[in-house]
């Protein structure tokens, strides 16, 4: 990997800085903002799915109750 960096024109200081950043868990600010945006989109999508799941459960419960009423001759 070291040879790859040298071949790319990176200086020794660049390489050391890169290794230090990797070891410390450093994420460049642009990547951090992108990660936050993706996390927000995932949370939004999850909320939508949860809402749809509740609606589907309600429809299923209604259908089952309607079937039970029908068995007793009491349709809604």
PDB file of N, CA and C in Angstrom:
ATOM      1  N   UNK A   1       0.836  -1.178   0.000  1.00  0.00           N
ATOM      2  CA  UNK A   1       0.000   0.000   0.000  1.00  0.00           C
ATOM      3  C   UNK A   1       0.890   1.255   0.000  1.00  0.00           C
ATOM      4  N   UNK A   2       1.942   1.181   0.784  1.00  0.00           N
ATOM      5  CA  UNK A   2       2.883   2.297   0.850  1.00  0.00           C
ATOM      6  C   UNK A   2       3.430   2.597  -0.541  1.00  0.00           C
ATOM      7  N   UNK A   3       3.806   1.558  -1.264  1.00  0.00           N
ATOM      8  CA  UNK A   3       4.335   1.734  -2.617  1.00  0.00           C
ATOM      9  C   UNK A   3       3.281   2.323  -3.553  1.00  0.00           C
ATOM     10  N   UNK A   4       2.036   1.930  -3.363  1.00  0.00           N
ATOM     11  CA  UNK A   4       0.955   2.486  -4.175  1.00  0.00           C
ATOM     12  C   UNK A   4       0.870   3.996  -3.969  1.00  0.00           C
ATOM     13  N   UNK A   5       0.925   4.411  -2.706  1.00  0.00           N
ATOM     14  CA  UNK A   5       0.849   5.845  -2.422  1.00  0.00           C
ATOM     15  C   UNK A   5       2.041   6.594  -3.005  1.00  0.00           C
ATOM     16  N   UNK A   6       3.208   6.011  -2.871  1.00  0.00           N
ATOM     17  CA  UNK A   6       4.387   6.660  -3.436  1.00  0.00           C
ATOM     18  C   UNK A   6       4.261   6.768  -4.952  1.00  0.00           C
ATOM     19  N   UNK A   7       3.753   5.718  -5.584  1.00  0.00           N
ATOM     20  CA  UNK A   7       3.564   5.729  -7.027  1.00  0.00           C
ATOM     21  C   UNK A   7       2.522   6.750  -7.473  1.00  0.00           C
ATOM     22  N   UNK A   8       1.610   7.107  -6.573  1.00  0.00           N
ATOM     23  CA  UNK A   8       0.569   8.072  -6.924  1.00  0.00           C
ATOM     24  C   UNK A   8       1.054   9.511  -6.778  1.00  0.00           C
ATOM     25  N   UNK A   9       2.259   9.667  -6.264  1.00  0.00           N
ATOM     26  CA  UNK A   9       2.805  11.010  -6.104  1.00  0.00           C
ATOM     27  C   UNK A   9       2.597  11.585  -4.715  1.00  0.00           C
ATOM     28  N   UNK A  10       2.023  10.802  -3.801  1.00  0.00           N
ATOM     29  CA  UNK A  10       1.808  11.282  -2.437  1.00  0.00           C
ATOM     30  C   UNK A  10       3.156  11.404  -1.720  1.00  0.00           C
ATOM     31  N   UNK A  11       3.255  12.409  -0.891  1.00  0.00           N
ATOM     32  CA  UNK A  11       4.475  12.581  -0.108  1.00  0.00           C
ATOM     33  C   UNK A  11       4.414  11.681   1.117  1.00  0.00           C
ATOM     34  N   UNK A  12       5.542  11.522   1.759  1.00  0.00           N
ATOM     35  CA  UNK A  12       5.584  10.698   2.965  1.00  0.00           C
ATOM     36  C   UNK A  12       4.678  11.283   4.042  1.00  0.00           C
ATOM     37  N   UNK A  13       4.642  12.602   4.134  1.00  0.00           N
ATOM     38  CA  UNK A  13       3.757  13.258   5.112  1.00  0.00           C
ATOM     39  C   UNK A  13       2.286  12.979   4.806  1.00  0.00           C
ATOM     40  N   UNK A  14       1.931  12.980   3.499  1.00  0.00           N
ATOM     41  CA  UNK A  14       0.554  12.659   3.106  1.00  0.00           C
ATOM     42  C   UNK A  14       0.181  11.246   3.534  1.00  0.00           C
ATOM     43  N   UNK A  15       1.102  10.337   3.338  1.00  0.00           N
ATOM     44  CA  UNK A  15       0.860   8.940   3.686  1.00  0.00           C
ATOM     45  C   UNK A  15       0.707   8.780   5.189  1.00  0.00           C
ATOM     46  N   UNK A  16       1.584   9.403   5.948  1.00  0.00           N
ATOM     47  CA  UNK A  16       1.509   9.322   7.405  1.00  0.00           C
ATOM     48  C   UNK A  16       0.213   9.945   7.915  1.00  0.00           C
ATOM     49  N   UNK A  17      -0.168  11.070   7.325  1.00  0.00           N
ATOM     50  CA  UNK A  17      -1.408  11.725   7.711  1.00  0.00           C
ATOM     51  C   UNK A  17      -2.608  10.830   7.419  1.00  0.00           C
ATOM     52  N   UNK A  18      -2.599  10.192   6.264  1.00  0.00           N
ATOM     53  CA  UNK A  18      -3.681   9.282   5.886  1.00  0.00           C
ATOM     54  C   UNK A  18      -3.794   8.137   6.885  1.00  0.00           C
ATOM     55  N   UNK A  19      -2.668   7.528   7.211  1.00  0.00           N
ATOM     56  CA  UNK A  19      -2.664   6.405   8.155  1.00  0.00           C
ATOM     57  C   UNK A  19      -3.141   6.852   9.527  1.00  0.00           C
ATOM     58  N   UNK A  20      -2.711   8.013   9.979  1.00  0.00           N
ATOM     59  CA  UNK A  20      -3.151   8.547  11.269  1.00  0.00           C
ATOM     60  C   UNK A  20      -4.651   8.775  11.269  1.00  0.00           C
ATOM     61  N   UNK A  21      -5.166   9.354  10.187  1.00  0.00           N
ATOM     62  CA  UNK A  21      -6.603   9.615  10.093  1.00  0.00           C
ATOM     63  C   UNK A  21      -7.413   8.322  10.090  1.00  0.00           C
ATOM     64  N   UNK A  22      -6.927   7.320   9.387  1.00  0.00           N
ATOM     65  CA  UNK A  22      -7.618   6.031   9.345  1.00  0.00           C
ATOM     66  C   UNK A  22      -7.650   5.411  10.732  1.00  0.00           C
ATOM     67  N   UNK A  23      -6.528   5.437  11.416  1.00  0.00           N
ATOM     68  CA  UNK A  23      -6.440   4.843  12.749  1.00  0.00           C
ATOM     69  C   UNK A  23      -7.286   5.581  13.777  1.00  0.00           C
ATOM     70  N   UNK A  24      -7.479   6.871  13.599  1.00  0.00           N
ATOM     71  CA  UNK A  24      -8.253   7.653  14.571  1.00  0.00           C
ATOM     72  C   UNK A  24      -9.732   7.684  14.238  1.00  0.00           C
ATOM     73  N   UNK A  25     -10.118   7.082  13.115  1.00  0.00           N
ATOM     74  CA  UNK A  25     -11.523   7.076  12.727  1.00  0.00           C
ATOM     75  C   UNK A  25     -11.966   8.380  12.096  1.00  0.00           C
ATOM     76  N   UNK A  26     -11.036   9.193  11.664  1.00  0.00           N
ATOM     77  CA  UNK A  26     -11.352  10.480  11.044  1.00  0.00           C
ATOM     78  C   UNK A  26     -12.113  10.281   9.742  1.00  0.00           C
ATOM     79  N   UNK A  27     -13.207  11.032   9.603  1.00  0.00           N
ATOM     80  CA  UNK A  27     -13.973  11.039   8.352  1.00  0.00           C
ATOM     81  C   UNK A  27     -14.012  12.484   7.876  1.00  0.00           C
ATOM     82  N   UNK A  28     -13.605  12.757   6.630  1.00  0.00           N
ATOM     83  CA  UNK A  28     -13.646  14.128   6.131  1.00  0.00           C
ATOM     84  C   UNK A  28     -15.058  14.716   6.251  1.00  0.00           C
ATOM     85  N   UNK A  29     -15.141  16.049   6.466  1.00  0.00           N
ATOM     86  CA  UNK A  29     -16.419  16.709   6.734  1.00  0.00           C
ATOM     87  C   UNK A  29     -17.447  16.445   5.641  1.00  0.00           C
ATOM     88  N   UNK A  30     -17.042  16.468   4.378  1.00  0.00           N
ATOM     89  CA  UNK A  30     -17.981  16.219   3.286  1.00  0.00           C
ATOM     90  C   UNK A  30     -18.607  14.836   3.397  1.00  0.00           C
ATOM     91  N   UNK A  31     -17.796  13.846   3.727  1.00  0.00           N
ATOM     92  CA  UNK A  31     -18.301  12.484   3.889  1.00  0.00           C
ATOM     93  C   UNK A  31     -19.222  12.385   5.101  1.00  0.00           C
ATOM     94  N   UNK A  32     -18.897  13.115   6.147  1.00  0.00           N
ATOM     95  CA  UNK A  32     -19.714  13.112   7.355  1.00  0.00           C
ATOM     96  C   UNK A  32     -21.084  13.705   7.066  1.00  0.00           C
ATOM     97  N   UNK A  33     -21.120  14.789   6.301  1.00  0.00           N
ATOM     98  CA  UNK A  33     -22.395  15.415   5.929  1.00  0.00           C
ATOM     99  C   UNK A  33     -23.211  14.479   5.044  1.00  0.00           C
ATOM    100  N   UNK A  34     -22.547  13.806   4.113  1.00  0.00           N
ATOM    101  CA  UNK A  34     -23.235  12.863   3.234  1.00  0.00           C
ATOM    102  C   UNK A  34     -23.809  11.701   4.048  1.00  0.00           C
ATOM    103  N   UNK A  35     -23.036  11.207   5.022  1.00  0.00           N
ATOM    104  CA  UNK A  35     -23.503  10.124   5.878  1.00  0.00           C
ATOM    105  C   UNK A  35     -24.729  10.569   6.658  1.00  0.00           C
ATOM    106  N   UNK A  36     -24.695  11.786   7.199  1.00  0.00           N
ATOM    107  CA  UNK A  36     -25.832  12.300   7.966  1.00  0.00           C
ATOM    108  C   UNK A  36     -27.072  12.406   7.081  1.00  0.00           C
ATOM    109  N   UNK A  37     -26.897  12.875   5.842  1.00  0.00           N
ATOM    110  CA  UNK A  37     -28.016  12.997   4.904  1.00  0.00           C
ATOM    111  C   UNK A  37     -28.609  11.629   4.599  1.00  0.00           C
ATOM    112  N   UNK A  38     -27.761  10.640   4.397  1.00  0.00           N
ATOM    113  CA  UNK A  38     -28.233   9.283   4.125  1.00  0.00           C
ATOM    114  C   UNK A  38     -28.957   8.721   5.344  1.00  0.00           C
ATOM    115  N   UNK A  39     -28.411   8.952   6.530  1.00  0.00           N
ATOM    116  CA  UNK A  39     -29.071   8.497   7.756  1.00  0.00           C
ATOM    117  C   UNK A  39     -30.461   9.122   7.895  1.00  0.00           C
ATOM    118  N   UNK A  40     -30.570  10.412   7.586  1.00  0.00           N
ATOM    119  CA  UNK A  40     -31.868  11.097   7.650  1.00  0.00           C
ATOM    120  C   UNK A  40     -32.857  10.499   6.649  1.00  0.00           C
ATOM    121  N   UNK A  41     -32.386  10.191   5.442  1.00  0.00           N
ATOM    122  CA  UNK A  41     -33.257   9.590   4.432  1.00  0.00           C
ATOM    123  C   UNK A  41     -33.725   8.201   4.863  1.00  0.00           C
ATOM    124  N   UNK A  42     -32.844   7.453   5.502  1.00  0.00           N
ATOM    125  CA  UNK A  42     -33.202   6.120   5.994  1.00  0.00           C
ATOM    126  C   UNK A  42     -34.267   6.237   7.077  1.00  0.00           C
ATOM    127  N   UNK A  43     -34.104   7.186   7.991  1.00  0.00           N
ATOM    128  CA  UNK A  43     -35.094   7.385   9.057  1.00  0.00           C
ATOM    129  C   UNK A  43     -36.446   7.789   8.473  1.00  0.00           C
ATOM    130  N   UNK A  44     -36.431   8.659   7.476  1.00  0.00           N
ATOM    131  CA  UNK A  44     -37.668   9.098   6.830  1.00  0.00           C
ATOM    132  C   UNK A  44     -38.360   7.924   6.132  1.00  0.00           C
ATOM    133  N   UNK A  45     -37.593   7.128   5.422  1.00  0.00           N
ATOM    134  CA  UNK A  45     -38.158   5.961   4.735  1.00  0.00           C
ATOM    135  C   UNK A  45     -38.716   4.965   5.748  1.00  0.00           C
ATOM    136  N   UNK A  46     -38.024   4.778   6.859  1.00  0.00           N
ATOM    137  CA  UNK A  46     -38.491   3.866   7.894  1.00  0.00           C
ATOM    138  C   UNK A  46     -39.817   4.348   8.482  1.00  0.00           C
ATOM    139  N   UNK A  47     -39.924   5.651   8.712  1.00  0.00           N
ATOM    140  CA  UNK A  47     -41.172   6.206   9.249  1.00  0.00           C
ATOM    141  C   UNK A  47     -42.329   5.972   8.277  1.00  0.00           C
ATOM    142  N   UNK A  48     -42.078   6.149   7.001  1.00  0.00           N
ATOM    143  CA  UNK A  48     -43.113   5.913   5.982  1.00  0.00           C
ATOM    144  C   UNK A  48     -43.519   4.444   5.980  1.00  0.00           C
ATOM    145  N   UNK A  49     -42.539   3.559   6.045  1.00  0.00           N
ATOM    146  CA  UNK A  49     -42.842   2.123   6.064  1.00  0.00           C
ATOM    147  C   UNK A  49     -43.632   1.732   7.308  1.00  0.00           C
ATOM    148  N   UNK A  50     -43.285   2.314   8.446  1.00  0.00           N
ATOM    149  CA  UNK A  50     -44.019   2.019   9.679  1.00  0.00           C
ATOM    150  C   UNK A  50     -45.472   2.456   9.558  1.00  0.00           C
ATOM    151  N   UNK A  51     -45.697   3.634   8.966  1.00  0.00           N
ATOM    152  CA  UNK A  51     -47.055   4.138   8.770  1.00  0.00           C
ATOM    153  C   UNK A  51     -47.835   3.211   7.852  1.00  0.00           C
ATOM    154  N   UNK A  52     -47.221   2.796   6.766  1.00  0.00           N
ATOM    155  CA  UNK A  52     -47.887   1.888   5.827  1.00  0.00           C
ATOM    156  C   UNK A  52     -48.172   0.547   6.482  1.00  0.00           C
ATOM    157  N   UNK A  53     -47.251   0.072   7.317  1.00  0.00           N
ATOM    158  CA  UNK A  53     -47.434  -1.192   8.017  1.00  0.00           C
ATOM    159  C   UNK A  53     -48.642  -1.112   8.953  1.00  0.00           C
ATOM    160  N   UNK A  54     -48.798   0.011   9.638  1.00  0.00           N
ATOM    161  CA  UNK A  54     -49.946   0.199  10.528  1.00  0.00           C
ATOM    162  C   UNK A  54     -51.231   0.196   9.711  1.00  0.00           C
ATOM    163  N   UNK A  55     -51.220   0.867   8.572  1.00  0.00           N
ATOM    164  CA  UNK A  55     -52.405   0.906   7.717  1.00  0.00           C
ATOM    165  C   UNK A  55     -52.759  -0.483   7.222  1.00  0.00           C
ATOM    166  N   UNK A  56     -51.768  -1.259   6.824  1.00  0.00           N
ATOM    167  CA  UNK A  56     -52.010  -2.616   6.340  1.00  0.00           C
ATOM    168  C   UNK A  56     -52.590  -3.478   7.460  1.00  0.00           C
ATOM    169  N   UNK A  57     -52.045  -3.358   8.671  1.00  0.00           N
ATOM    170  CA  UNK A  57     -52.567  -4.116   9.809  1.00  0.00           C
ATOM    171  C   UNK A  57     -54.014  -3.744  10.083  1.00  0.00           C
ATOM    172  N   UNK A  58     -54.334  -2.458  10.006  1.00  0.00           N
ATOM    173  CA  UNK A  58     -55.704  -2.003  10.241  1.00  0.00           C
ATOM    174  C   UNK A  58     -56.650  -2.579   9.196  1.00  0.00           C
ATOM    175  N   UNK A  59     -56.229  -2.554   7.943  1.00  0.00           N
ATOM    176  CA  UNK A  59     -57.059  -3.115   6.861  1.00  0.00           C
ATOM    177  C   UNK A  59     -57.257  -4.612   7.075  1.00  0.00           C
ATOM    178  N   UNK A  60     -56.213  -5.329   7.448  1.00  0.00           N
ATOM    179  CA  UNK A  60     -56.322  -6.771   7.691  1.00  0.00           C
ATOM    180  C   UNK A  60     -57.268  -7.066   8.852  1.00  0.00           C
ATOM    181  N   UNK A  61     -57.158  -6.281   9.921  1.00  0.00           N
ATOM    182  CA  UNK A  61     -58.047  -6.465  11.067  1.00  0.00           C
ATOM    183  C   UNK A  61     -59.498  -6.195  10.663  1.00  0.00           C
ATOM    184  N   UNK A  62     -59.721  -5.149   9.899  1.00  0.00           N
ATOM    185  CA  UNK A  62     -61.069  -4.816   9.426  1.00  0.00           C
ATOM    186  C   UNK A  62     -61.639  -5.964   8.594  1.00  0.00           C
ATOM    187  N   UNK A  63     -60.812  -6.500   7.697  1.00  0.00           N
ATOM    188  CA  UNK A  63     -61.254  -7.597   6.832  1.00  0.00           C
ATOM    189  C   UNK A  63     -61.625  -8.823   7.665  1.00  0.00           C
ATOM    190  N   UNK A  64     -60.798  -9.163   8.646  1.00  0.00           N
ATOM    191  CA  UNK A  64     -61.078 -10.319   9.498  1.00  0.00           C
ATOM    192  C   UNK A  64     -62.363 -10.111  10.304  1.00  0.00           C
ATOM    193  N   UNK A  65     -62.522  -8.913  10.858  1.00  0.00           N
ATOM    194  CA  UNK A  65     -63.737  -8.630  11.635  1.00  0.00           C
ATOM    195  C   UNK A  65     -64.971  -8.673  10.738  1.00  0.00           C
ATOM    196  N   UNK A  66     -64.854  -8.165   9.532  1.00  0.00           N
ATOM    197  CA  UNK A  66     -65.963  -8.169   8.582  1.00  0.00           C
ATOM    198  C   UNK A  66     -66.334  -9.616   8.218  1.00  0.00           C
ATOM    199  N   UNK A  67     -65.330 -10.465   8.056  1.00  0.00           N
ATOM    200  CA  UNK A  67     -65.584 -11.882   7.769  1.00  0.00           C
ATOM    201  C   UNK A  67     -66.318 -12.547   8.931  1.00  0.00           C
ATOM    202  N   UNK A  68     -65.900 -12.247  10.165  1.00  0.00           N
ATOM    203  CA  UNK A  68     -66.569 -12.810  11.347  1.00  0.00           C
ATOM    204  C   UNK A  68     -68.021 -12.347  11.415  1.00  0.00           C
ATOM    205  N   UNK A  69     -68.246 -11.064  11.131  1.00  0.00           N
ATOM    206  CA  UNK A  69     -69.612 -10.547  11.120  1.00  0.00           C
ATOM    207  C   UNK A  69     -70.441 -11.274  10.062  1.00  0.00           C
ATOM    208  N   UNK A  70     -69.848 -11.501   8.899  1.00  0.00           N
ATOM    209  CA  UNK A  70     -70.534 -12.203   7.811  1.00  0.00           C
ATOM    210  C   UNK A  70     -70.925 -13.618   8.195  1.00  0.00           C
ATOM    211  N   UNK A  71     -70.080 -14.305   8.953  1.00  0.00           N
ATOM    212  CA  UNK A  71     -70.372 -15.674   9.393  1.00  0.00           C
ATOM    213  C   UNK A  71     -71.600 -15.700  10.312  1.00  0.00           C
ATOM    214  N   UNK A  72     -71.841 -14.607  11.010  1.00  0.00           N
ATOM    215  CA  UNK A  72     -72.972 -14.510  11.934  1.00  0.00           C
ATOM    216  C   UNK A  72     -74.148 -13.751  11.316  1.00  0.00           C
ATOM    217  N   UNK A  73     -74.048 -13.476  10.038  1.00  0.00           N
ATOM    218  CA  UNK A  73     -75.114 -12.767   9.337  1.00  0.00           C
ATOM    219  C   UNK A  73     -75.220 -11.296   9.686  1.00  0.00           C
ATOM    220  N   UNK A  74     -74.125 -10.733  10.165  1.00  0.00           N
ATOM    221  CA  UNK A  74     -74.115  -9.321  10.570  1.00  0.00           C
ATOM    222  C   UNK A  74     -73.048  -8.568   9.774  1.00  0.00           C
ATOM    223  N   UNK A  75     -73.274  -8.376   8.503  1.00  0.00           N
ATOM    224  CA  UNK A  75     -72.289  -7.687   7.662  1.00  0.00           C
ATOM    225  C   UNK A  75     -72.328  -6.196   7.916  1.00  0.00           C
ATOM    226  N   UNK A  76     -71.191  -5.552   7.773  1.00  0.00           N
ATOM    227  CA  UNK A  76     -71.118  -4.097   8.012  1.00  0.00           C
ATOM    228  C   UNK A  76     -71.545  -3.307   6.810  1.00  0.00           C
TER     229      UNK A  76
END
